[in-house]
PDB file of all heavy atoms in Angstrom:
ATOM      1  N   TYR A   1       6.092   5.505  -2.636  1.00  0.00           N
ATOM      2  CA  TYR A   1       7.116   5.510  -1.598  1.00  0.00           C
ATOM      3  C   TYR A   1       7.942   6.790  -1.624  1.00  0.00           C
ATOM      4  O   TYR A   1       8.213   7.391  -0.587  1.00  0.00           O
ATOM      5  CB  TYR A   1       8.032   4.296  -1.757  1.00  0.00           C
ATOM      6  CG  TYR A   1       9.062   4.168  -0.672  1.00  0.00           C
ATOM      7  CD1 TYR A   1       8.729   3.623   0.567  1.00  0.00           C
ATOM      8  CD2 TYR A   1      10.373   4.610  -0.874  1.00  0.00           C
ATOM      9  CE1 TYR A   1       9.677   3.514   1.570  1.00  0.00           C
ATOM     10  CE2 TYR A   1      11.320   4.500   0.129  1.00  0.00           C
ATOM     11  CZ  TYR A   1      10.969   3.956   1.348  1.00  0.00           C
ATOM     12  OH  TYR A   1      11.901   3.873   2.350  1.00  0.00           O
ATOM     13  N   ARG A   2       8.329   7.267  -2.819  1.00  0.00           N
ATOM     14  CA  ARG A   2       9.180   8.449  -2.904  1.00  0.00           C
ATOM     15  C   ARG A   2       8.429   9.714  -2.494  1.00  0.00           C
ATOM     16  O   ARG A   2       9.035  10.737  -2.226  1.00  0.00           O
ATOM     17  CB  ARG A   2       9.783   8.615  -4.293  1.00  0.00           C
ATOM     18  CG  ARG A   2       8.813   8.879  -5.414  1.00  0.00           C
ATOM     19  CD  ARG A   2       9.545   9.244  -6.704  1.00  0.00           C
ATOM     20  NE  ARG A   2      10.203  10.532  -6.584  1.00  0.00           N
ATOM     21  CZ  ARG A   2      11.519  10.712  -6.579  1.00  0.00           C
ATOM     22  NH1 ARG A   2      12.333   9.684  -6.680  1.00  0.00           N
ATOM     23  NH2 ARG A   2      12.040  11.916  -6.484  1.00  0.00           N
ATOM     24  N   GLU A   3       7.098   9.641  -2.460  1.00  0.00           N
ATOM     25  CA  GLU A   3       6.326  10.764  -1.943  1.00  0.00           C
ATOM     26  C   GLU A   3       6.454  10.839  -0.425  1.00  0.00           C
ATOM     27  O   GLU A   3       6.428  11.915   0.156  1.00  0.00           O
ATOM     28  CB  GLU A   3       4.858  10.607  -2.349  1.00  0.00           C
ATOM     29  CG  GLU A   3       3.943  11.753  -1.938  1.00  0.00           C
ATOM     30  CD  GLU A   3       2.489  11.495  -2.274  1.00  0.00           C
ATOM     31  OE1 GLU A   3       2.201  10.532  -3.015  1.00  0.00           O
ATOM     32  OE2 GLU A   3       1.636  12.261  -1.783  1.00  0.00           O
ATOM     33  N   MET A   4       6.619   9.688   0.208  1.00  0.00           N
ATOM     34  CA  MET A   4       6.750   9.642   1.669  1.00  0.00           C
ATOM     35  C   MET A   4       8.204   9.828   2.104  1.00  0.00           C
ATOM     36  O   MET A   4       8.481  10.549   3.063  1.00  0.00           O
ATOM     37  CB  MET A   4       6.220   8.317   2.210  1.00  0.00           C
ATOM     38  CG  MET A   4       6.383   8.164   3.714  1.00  0.00           C
ATOM     39  SD  MET A   4       5.563   6.691   4.371  1.00  0.00           S
ATOM     40  CE  MET A   4       3.856   7.205   4.303  1.00  0.00           C
ATOM     41  N   VAL A   5       9.127   9.179   1.392  1.00  0.00           N
ATOM     42  CA  VAL A   5      10.548   9.263   1.729  1.00  0.00           C
ATOM     43  C   VAL A   5      11.285   9.740   0.488  1.00  0.00           C
ATOM     44  O   VAL A   5      11.443   8.986  -0.473  1.00  0.00           O
ATOM     45  CB  VAL A   5      11.099   7.897   2.200  1.00  0.00           C
ATOM     46  CG1 VAL A   5      12.563   8.042   2.593  1.00  0.00           C
ATOM     47  CG2 VAL A   5      10.288   7.351   3.356  1.00  0.00           C
ATOM     48  N   GLN A   6      11.717  10.985   0.506  1.00  0.00           N
ATOM     49  CA  GLN A   6      12.359  11.563  -0.666  1.00  0.00           C
ATOM     50  C   GLN A   6      13.818  11.105  -0.746  1.00  0.00           C
ATOM     51  O   GLN A   6      14.585  11.324   0.201  1.00  0.00           O
ATOM     52  CB  GLN A   6      12.252  13.083  -0.603  1.00  0.00           C
ATOM     53  CG  GLN A   6      10.807  13.557  -0.622  1.00  0.00           C
ATOM     54  CD  GLN A   6      10.613  14.980  -0.174  1.00  0.00           C
ATOM     55  OE1 GLN A   6      11.583  15.701   0.056  1.00  0.00           O
ATOM     56  NE2 GLN A   6       9.352  15.391  -0.036  1.00  0.00           N
ATOM     57  N   PRO A   7      14.205  10.455  -1.845  1.00  0.00           N
ATOM     58  CA  PRO A   7      15.539   9.829  -1.929  1.00  0.00           C
ATOM     59  C   PRO A   7      16.694  10.793  -1.691  1.00  0.00           C
ATOM     60  O   PRO A   7      17.731  10.407  -1.156  1.00  0.00           O
ATOM     61  CB  PRO A   7      15.569   9.286  -3.368  1.00  0.00           C
ATOM     62  CG  PRO A   7      14.141   9.154  -3.767  1.00  0.00           C
ATOM     63  CD  PRO A   7      13.404  10.238  -3.055  1.00  0.00           C
ATOM     64  N   GLU A   8      16.521  12.059  -2.064  1.00  0.00           N
ATOM     65  CA  GLU A   8      17.617  13.023  -1.931  1.00  0.00           C
ATOM     66  C   GLU A   8      17.710  13.634  -0.535  1.00  0.00           C
ATOM     67  O   GLU A   8      18.629  14.410  -0.242  1.00  0.00           O
ATOM     68  CB  GLU A   8      17.455  14.141  -2.970  1.00  0.00           C
ATOM     69  CG  GLU A   8      16.245  15.046  -2.768  1.00  0.00           C
ATOM     70  CD  GLU A   8      14.939  14.468  -3.285  1.00  0.00           C
ATOM     71  OE1 GLU A   8      14.948  13.310  -3.756  1.00  0.00           O
ATOM     72  OE2 GLU A   8      13.904  15.164  -3.206  1.00  0.00           O
ATOM     73  N   ASP A   9      16.783  13.280   0.345  1.00  0.00           N
ATOM     74  CA  ASP A   9      16.731  13.891   1.680  1.00  0.00           C
ATOM     75  C   ASP A   9      17.692  13.186   2.628  1.00  0.00           C
ATOM     76  O   ASP A   9      17.450  12.059   3.053  1.00  0.00           O
ATOM     77  CB  ASP A   9      15.299  13.827   2.219  1.00  0.00           C
ATOM     78  CG  ASP A   9      15.160  14.459   3.598  1.00  0.00           C
ATOM     79  OD1 ASP A   9      16.117  15.138   4.041  1.00  0.00           O
ATOM     80  OD2 ASP A   9      14.110  14.285   4.227  1.00  0.00           O
ATOM     81  N   SER A  10      18.763  13.844   2.998  1.00  0.00           N
ATOM     82  CA  SER A  10      19.757  13.249   3.899  1.00  0.00           C
ATOM     83  C   SER A  10      19.226  13.093   5.325  1.00  0.00           C
ATOM     84  O   SER A  10      19.797  12.346   6.123  1.00  0.00           O
ATOM     85  CB  SER A  10      21.037  14.089   3.918  1.00  0.00           C
ATOM     86  OG  SER A  10      20.769  15.399   4.401  1.00  0.00           O
ATOM     87  N   GLU A  11      18.141  13.788   5.651  1.00  0.00           N
ATOM     88  CA  GLU A  11      17.540  13.664   6.977  1.00  0.00           C
ATOM     89  C   GLU A  11      16.612  12.455   7.075  1.00  0.00           C
ATOM     90  O   GLU A  11      16.211  12.070   8.166  1.00  0.00           O
ATOM     91  CB  GLU A  11      16.740  14.933   7.317  1.00  0.00           C
ATOM     92  CG  GLU A  11      17.585  16.187   7.446  1.00  0.00           C
ATOM     93  CD  GLU A  11      18.492  16.150   8.665  1.00  0.00           C
ATOM     94  OE1 GLU A  11      18.129  15.493   9.661  1.00  0.00           O
ATOM     95  OE2 GLU A  11      19.565  16.771   8.621  1.00  0.00           O
ATOM     96  N   HIS A  12      16.229  11.887   5.912  1.00  0.00           N
ATOM     97  CA  HIS A  12      15.340  10.726   5.863  1.00  0.00           C
ATOM     98  C   HIS A  12      13.992  11.015   6.520  1.00  0.00           C
ATOM     99  O   HIS A  12      13.411  10.147   7.181  1.00  0.00           O
ATOM    100  CB  HIS A  12      15.988   9.500   6.512  1.00  0.00           C
ATOM    101  CG  HIS A  12      17.380   9.223   6.037  1.00  0.00           C
ATOM    102  ND1 HIS A  12      17.655   8.733   4.786  1.00  0.00           N
ATOM    103  CD2 HIS A  12      18.589   9.416   6.638  1.00  0.00           C
ATOM    104  CE1 HIS A  12      18.962   8.611   4.637  1.00  0.00           C
ATOM    105  NE2 HIS A  12      19.550   9.026   5.734  1.00  0.00           N
ATOM    106  N   PHE A  13      13.489  12.235   6.353  1.00  0.00           N
ATOM    107  CA  PHE A  13      12.174  12.580   6.896  1.00  0.00           C
ATOM    108  C   PHE A  13      11.114  11.670   6.269  1.00  0.00           C
ATOM    109  O   PHE A  13      11.180  11.304   5.088  1.00  0.00           O
ATOM    110  CB  PHE A  13      11.823  14.032   6.597  1.00  0.00           C
ATOM    111  CG  PHE A  13      12.406  15.031   7.565  1.00  0.00           C
ATOM    112  CD1 PHE A  13      13.380  14.661   8.476  1.00  0.00           C
ATOM    113  CD2 PHE A  13      11.973  16.342   7.559  1.00  0.00           C
ATOM    114  CE1 PHE A  13      13.921  15.578   9.362  1.00  0.00           C
ATOM    115  CE2 PHE A  13      12.503  17.279   8.447  1.00  0.00           C
ATOM    116  CZ  PHE A  13      13.480  16.897   9.349  1.00  0.00           C
ATOM    117  N   ILE A  14      10.104  11.333   7.072  1.00  0.00           N
ATOM    118  CA  ILE A  14       8.982  10.527   6.603  1.00  0.00           C
ATOM    119  C   ILE A  14       7.762  11.446   6.510  1.00  0.00           C
ATOM    120  O   ILE A  14       7.231  11.894   7.526  1.00  0.00           O
ATOM    121  CB  ILE A  14       8.720   9.339   7.553  1.00  0.00           C
ATOM    122  CG1 ILE A  14       9.968   8.442   7.614  1.00  0.00           C
ATOM    123  CG2 ILE A  14       7.503   8.543   7.099  1.00  0.00           C
ATOM    124  CD1 ILE A  14       9.876   7.337   8.652  1.00  0.00           C
ATOM    125  N   HIS A  15       7.346  11.750   5.284  1.00  0.00           N
ATOM    126  CA  HIS A  15       6.228  12.664   5.036  1.00  0.00           C
ATOM    127  C   HIS A  15       4.957  11.840   4.895  1.00  0.00           C
ATOM    128  O   HIS A  15       4.838  11.026   3.984  1.00  0.00           O
ATOM    129  CB  HIS A  15       6.471  13.483   3.770  1.00  0.00           C
ATOM    130  CG  HIS A  15       7.709  14.319   3.831  1.00  0.00           C
ATOM    131  ND1 HIS A  15       7.680  15.661   4.167  1.00  0.00           N
ATOM    132  CD2 HIS A  15       9.014  14.017   3.620  1.00  0.00           C
ATOM    133  CE1 HIS A  15       8.910  16.139   4.141  1.00  0.00           C
ATOM    134  NE2 HIS A  15       9.734  15.162   3.821  1.00  0.00           N
ATOM    135  N   ILE A  16       4.008  12.073   5.782  1.00  0.00           N
ATOM    136  CA  ILE A  16       2.792  11.265   5.811  1.00  0.00           C
ATOM    137  C   ILE A  16       1.614  12.109   5.338  1.00  0.00           C
ATOM    138  O   ILE A  16       1.195  13.043   6.025  1.00  0.00           O
ATOM    139  CB  ILE A  16       2.524  10.721   7.229  1.00  0.00           C
ATOM    140  CG1 ILE A  16       3.759   9.978   7.764  1.00  0.00           C
ATOM    141  CG2 ILE A  16       1.316   9.801   7.229  1.00  0.00           C
ATOM    142  CD1 ILE A  16       3.671   9.617   9.227  1.00  0.00           C
ATOM    143  N   SER A  17       1.088  11.801   4.154  1.00  0.00           N
ATOM    144  CA  SER A  17      -0.070  12.509   3.601  1.00  0.00           C
ATOM    145  C   SER A  17      -1.304  11.642   3.809  1.00  0.00           C
ATOM    146  O   SER A  17      -1.469  10.618   3.146  1.00  0.00           O
ATOM    147  CB  SER A  17       0.125  12.782   2.110  1.00  0.00           C
ATOM    148  OG  SER A  17       1.268  13.591   1.904  1.00  0.00           O
ATOM    149  N   ALA A  18      -2.161  12.058   4.727  1.00  0.00           N
ATOM    150  CA  ALA A  18      -3.287  11.216   5.118  1.00  0.00           C
ATOM    151  C   ALA A  18      -4.420  11.214   4.098  1.00  0.00           C
ATOM    152  O   ALA A  18      -5.173  10.254   4.017  1.00  0.00           O
ATOM    153  CB  ALA A  18      -3.826  11.661   6.477  1.00  0.00           C
ATOM    154  N   ASP A  19      -4.564  12.293   3.320  1.00  0.00           N
ATOM    155  CA  ASP A  19      -5.685  12.373   2.389  1.00  0.00           C
ATOM    156  C   ASP A  19      -5.299  13.257   1.212  1.00  0.00           C
ATOM    157  O   ASP A  19      -4.155  13.703   1.101  1.00  0.00           O
ATOM    158  CB  ASP A  19      -6.940  12.910   3.098  1.00  0.00           C
ATOM    159  CG  ASP A  19      -6.660  14.197   3.877  1.00  0.00           C
ATOM    160  OD1 ASP A  19      -5.782  14.989   3.431  1.00  0.00           O
ATOM    161  OD2 ASP A  19      -7.292  14.412   4.920  1.00  0.00           O
ATOM    162  N   GLU A  20      -6.249  13.519   0.334  1.00  0.00           N
ATOM    163  CA  GLU A  20      -5.963  14.301  -0.861  1.00  0.00           C
ATOM    164  C   GLU A  20      -5.567  15.737  -0.516  1.00  0.00           C
ATOM    165  O   GLU A  20      -4.785  16.369  -1.218  1.00  0.00           O
ATOM    166  CB  GLU A  20      -7.172  14.289  -1.808  1.00  0.00           C
ATOM    167  CG  GLU A  20      -7.415  12.935  -2.448  1.00  0.00           C
ATOM    168  CD  GLU A  20      -6.191  12.403  -3.179  1.00  0.00           C
ATOM    169  OE1 GLU A  20      -5.500  13.208  -3.851  1.00  0.00           O
ATOM    170  OE2 GLU A  20      -5.910  11.200  -3.088  1.00  0.00           O
ATOM    171  N   GLU A  21      -6.131  16.261   0.574  1.00  0.00           N
ATOM    172  CA  GLU A  21      -5.738  17.606   0.991  1.00  0.00           C
ATOM    173  C   GLU A  21      -4.262  17.630   1.347  1.00  0.00           C
ATOM    174  O   GLU A  21      -3.532  18.549   0.975  1.00  0.00           O
ATOM    175  CB  GLU A  21      -6.573  18.060   2.187  1.00  0.00           C
ATOM    176  CG  GLU A  21      -6.188  19.446   2.681  1.00  0.00           C
ATOM    177  CD  GLU A  21      -7.045  19.902   3.851  1.00  0.00           C
ATOM    178  OE1 GLU A  21      -8.235  19.566   3.886  1.00  0.00           O
ATOM    179  OE2 GLU A  21      -6.497  20.595   4.743  1.00  0.00           O
ATOM    180  N   ASP A  22      -3.819  16.596   2.047  1.00  0.00           N
ATOM    181  CA  ASP A  22      -2.400  16.501   2.375  1.00  0.00           C
ATOM    182  C   ASP A  22      -1.557  16.371   1.115  1.00  0.00           C
ATOM    183  O   ASP A  22      -0.454  16.920   1.016  1.00  0.00           O
ATOM    184  CB  ASP A  22      -2.155  15.282   3.278  1.00  0.00           C
ATOM    185  CG  ASP A  22      -2.203  15.644   4.754  1.00  0.00           C
ATOM    186  OD1 ASP A  22      -2.445  16.817   5.059  1.00  0.00           O
ATOM    187  OD2 ASP A  22      -2.006  14.748   5.587  1.00  0.00           O
ATOM    188  N   ALA A  23      -2.062  15.615   0.136  1.00  0.00           N
ATOM    189  CA  ALA A  23      -1.326  15.455  -1.111  1.00  0.00           C
ATOM    190  C   ALA A  23      -1.197  16.789  -1.830  1.00  0.00           C
ATOM    191  O   ALA A  23      -0.144  17.100  -2.397  1.00  0.00           O
ATOM    192  CB  ALA A  23      -2.031  14.440  -2.003  1.00  0.00           C
ATOM    193  N   GLN A  24      -2.260  17.595  -1.821  1.00  0.00           N
ATOM    194  CA  GLN A  24      -2.201  18.924  -2.424  1.00  0.00           C
ATOM    195  C   GLN A  24      -1.196  19.806  -1.691  1.00  0.00           C
ATOM    196  O   GLN A  24      -0.444  20.570  -2.305  1.00  0.00           O
ATOM    197  CB  GLN A  24      -3.584  19.577  -2.393  1.00  0.00           C
ATOM    198  CG  GLN A  24      -4.566  18.990  -3.394  1.00  0.00           C
ATOM    199  CD  GLN A  24      -5.909  19.693  -3.326  1.00  0.00           C
ATOM    200  OE1 GLN A  24      -6.564  19.722  -2.290  1.00  0.00           O
ATOM    201  NE2 GLN A  24      -6.303  20.281  -4.438  1.00  0.00           N
ATOM    202  N   LEU A  25      -1.167  19.680  -0.367  1.00  0.00           N
ATOM    203  CA  LEU A  25      -0.199  20.446   0.411  1.00  0.00           C
ATOM    204  C   LEU A  25       1.232  20.052   0.045  1.00  0.00           C
ATOM    205  O   LEU A  25       2.113  20.911  -0.055  1.00  0.00           O
ATOM    206  CB  LEU A  25      -0.438  20.227   1.906  1.00  0.00           C
ATOM    207  CG  LEU A  25      -1.618  20.955   2.527  1.00  0.00           C
ATOM    208  CD1 LEU A  25      -1.850  20.466   3.947  1.00  0.00           C
ATOM    209  CD2 LEU A  25      -1.391  22.463   2.520  1.00  0.00           C
ATOM    210  N   ALA A  26       1.447  18.757  -0.140  1.00  0.00           N
ATOM    211  CA  ALA A  26       2.785  18.295  -0.522  1.00  0.00           C
ATOM    212  C   ALA A  26       3.199  18.898  -1.852  1.00  0.00           C
ATOM    213  O   ALA A  26       4.341  19.339  -2.027  1.00  0.00           O
ATOM    214  CB  ALA A  26       2.809  16.766  -0.598  1.00  0.00           C
ATOM    215  N   ALA A  27       2.260  18.934  -2.803  1.00  0.00           N
ATOM    216  CA  ALA A  27       2.564  19.517  -4.111  1.00  0.00           C
ATOM    217  C   ALA A  27       2.816  21.018  -3.987  1.00  0.00           C
ATOM    218  O   ALA A  27       3.706  21.575  -4.642  1.00  0.00           O
ATOM    219  CB  ALA A  27       1.408  19.248  -5.066  1.00  0.00           C
ATOM    220  N   THR A  28       2.038  21.679  -3.144  1.00  0.00           N
ATOM    221  CA  THR A  28       2.220  23.113  -2.912  1.00  0.00           C
ATOM    222  C   THR A  28       3.601  23.392  -2.343  1.00  0.00           C
ATOM    223  O   THR A  28       4.314  24.293  -2.784  1.00  0.00           O
ATOM    224  CB  THR A  28       1.147  23.634  -1.944  1.00  0.00           C
ATOM    225  OG1 THR A  28      -0.135  23.465  -2.537  1.00  0.00           O
ATOM    226  CG2 THR A  28       1.356  25.100  -1.623  1.00  0.00           C
ATOM    227  N   HIS A  29       3.996  22.581  -1.376  1.00  0.00           N
ATOM    228  CA  HIS A  29       5.303  22.754  -0.748  1.00  0.00           C
ATOM    229  C   HIS A  29       6.418  22.555  -1.763  1.00  0.00           C
ATOM    230  O   HIS A  29       7.367  23.348  -1.844  1.00  0.00           O
ATOM    231  CB  HIS A  29       5.455  21.769   0.413  1.00  0.00           C
ATOM    232  CG  HIS A  29       6.751  21.897   1.146  1.00  0.00           C
ATOM    233  ND1 HIS A  29       7.695  20.900   1.128  1.00  0.00           N
ATOM    234  CD2 HIS A  29       7.267  22.900   1.889  1.00  0.00           C
ATOM    235  CE1 HIS A  29       8.742  21.289   1.841  1.00  0.00           C
ATOM    236  NE2 HIS A  29       8.506  22.486   2.317  1.00  0.00           N
ATOM    237  N   ALA A  30       6.291  21.513  -2.566  1.00  0.00           N
ATOM    238  CA  ALA A  30       7.319  21.242  -3.575  1.00  0.00           C
ATOM    239  C   ALA A  30       7.410  22.372  -4.594  1.00  0.00           C
ATOM    240  O   ALA A  30       8.470  22.631  -5.161  1.00  0.00           O
ATOM    241  CB  ALA A  30       7.020  19.924  -4.277  1.00  0.00           C
ATOM    242  N   GLY A  31       6.291  23.091  -4.814  1.00  0.00           N
ATOM    243  CA  GLY A  31       6.266  24.156  -5.797  1.00  0.00           C
ATOM    244  C   GLY A  31       6.788  25.488  -5.314  1.00  0.00           C
ATOM    245  O   GLY A  31       6.942  26.425  -6.116  1.00  0.00           O
ATOM    246  N   LEU A  32       7.077  25.602  -4.027  1.00  0.00           N
ATOM    247  CA  LEU A  32       7.628  26.859  -3.524  1.00  0.00           C
ATOM    248  C   LEU A  32       9.026  27.088  -4.099  1.00  0.00           C
ATOM    249  O   LEU A  32       9.756  26.147  -4.383  1.00  0.00           O
ATOM    250  CB  LEU A  32       7.675  26.840  -1.989  1.00  0.00           C
ATOM    251  CG  LEU A  32       6.303  26.911  -1.308  1.00  0.00           C
ATOM    252  CD1 LEU A  32       6.433  26.639   0.186  1.00  0.00           C
ATOM    253  CD2 LEU A  32       5.638  28.268  -1.543  1.00  0.00           C
TER     254      LEU A  32
END
């Protein structure tokens, strides 16, 4: 759940990772 809705995000964005490629992208983004 916290991968989709980040608790610290005041905008309450819903991040939808459809597959493993999306999951890798999420990790890449977090690593910037």
